[in-house]
Amino acid sequence: MTSSHLVVRAAFATTSRLLVAIARAANSGFSSPETASGIASAL
């Protein structure tokens, strides 16, 4: 495996974690809009 494959894989893993965090923020936003906006501004 080349280093470029590792970079792509690492970027994908990071993106996946961000998507999970964003999804959690969106879900919690239904009960707490202030928390969701705080998380969004932190991103």
C-alpha atoms as a PDB file:
ATOM      1  CA  MET A   1       0.000   0.000   0.000  1.00  0.00           C
ATOM      2  CA  THR A   2       1.353   3.417  -0.913  1.00  0.00           C
ATOM      3  CA  SER A   3       1.454   6.424   1.352  1.00  0.00           C
ATOM      4  CA  SER A   4      -1.237   8.126  -0.729  1.00  0.00           C
ATOM      5  CA  HIS A   5      -3.628   5.306   0.159  1.00  0.00           C
ATOM      6  CA  LEU A   6      -2.864   5.879   3.829  1.00  0.00           C
ATOM      7  CA  VAL A   7      -3.557   9.603   3.505  1.00  0.00           C
ATOM      8  CA  VAL A   8      -6.891   8.948   1.803  1.00  0.00           C
ATOM      9  CA  ARG A   9      -7.825   6.389   4.439  1.00  0.00           C
ATOM     10  CA  ALA A  10      -6.898   8.764   7.280  1.00  0.00           C
ATOM     11  CA  ALA A  11      -8.876  11.596   5.699  1.00  0.00           C
ATOM     12  CA  PHE A  12     -11.883   9.331   5.283  1.00  0.00           C
ATOM     13  CA  ALA A  13     -11.698   8.216   8.918  1.00  0.00           C
ATOM     14  CA  THR A  14     -11.519  11.837  10.063  1.00  0.00           C
ATOM     15  CA  THR A  15     -14.473  12.777   7.878  1.00  0.00           C
ATOM     16  CA  SER A  16     -16.481   9.846   9.234  1.00  0.00           C
ATOM     17  CA  ARG A  17     -15.824  10.946  12.815  1.00  0.00           C
ATOM     18  CA  LEU A  18     -16.866  14.503  11.953  1.00  0.00           C
ATOM     19  CA  LEU A  19     -20.076  13.253  10.360  1.00  0.00           C
ATOM     20  CA  VAL A  20     -20.885  11.283  13.504  1.00  0.00           C
ATOM     21  CA  ALA A  21     -20.222  14.356  15.648  1.00  0.00           C
ATOM     22  CA  ILE A  22     -22.364  16.527  13.378  1.00  0.00           C
ATOM     23  CA  ALA A  23     -25.176  13.966  13.443  1.00  0.00           C
ATOM     24  CA  ARG A  24     -25.059  13.877  17.247  1.00  0.00           C
ATOM     25  CA  ALA A  25     -25.120  17.671  17.358  1.00  0.00           C
ATOM     26  CA  ALA A  26     -28.096  17.738  15.009  1.00  0.00           C
ATOM     27  CA  ASN A  27     -29.955  15.161  17.090  1.00  0.00           C
ATOM     28  CA  SER A  28     -29.242  16.977  20.347  1.00  0.00           C
ATOM     29  CA  GLY A  29     -30.249  20.232  18.668  1.00  0.00           C
ATOM     30  CA  PHE A  30     -33.874  19.145  18.693  1.00  0.00           C
ATOM     31  CA  SER A  31     -33.846  19.249  22.481  1.00  0.00           C
ATOM     32  CA  SER A  32     -31.211  21.946  22.980  1.00  0.00           C
ATOM     33  CA  PRO A  33     -30.695  24.492  20.169  1.00  0.00           C
ATOM     34  CA  GLU A  34     -28.050  26.401  22.167  1.00  0.00           C
ATOM     35  CA  THR A  35     -25.857  23.311  22.468  1.00  0.00           C
ATOM     36  CA  ALA A  36     -26.133  22.530  18.771  1.00  0.00           C
ATOM     37  CA  SER A  37     -25.222  26.067  17.746  1.00  0.00           C
ATOM     38  CA  GLY A  38     -22.267  26.014  20.144  1.00  0.00           C
ATOM     39  CA  ILE A  39     -20.983  22.776  18.629  1.00  0.00           C
ATOM     40  CA  ALA A  40     -21.497  24.117  15.114  1.00  0.00           C
ATOM     41  CA  SER A  41     -19.526  27.273  15.876  1.00  0.00           C
ATOM     42  CA  ALA A  42     -16.733  25.145  17.385  1.00  0.00           C
ATOM     43  CA  LEU A  43     -16.432  23.281  14.085  1.00  0.00           C
END
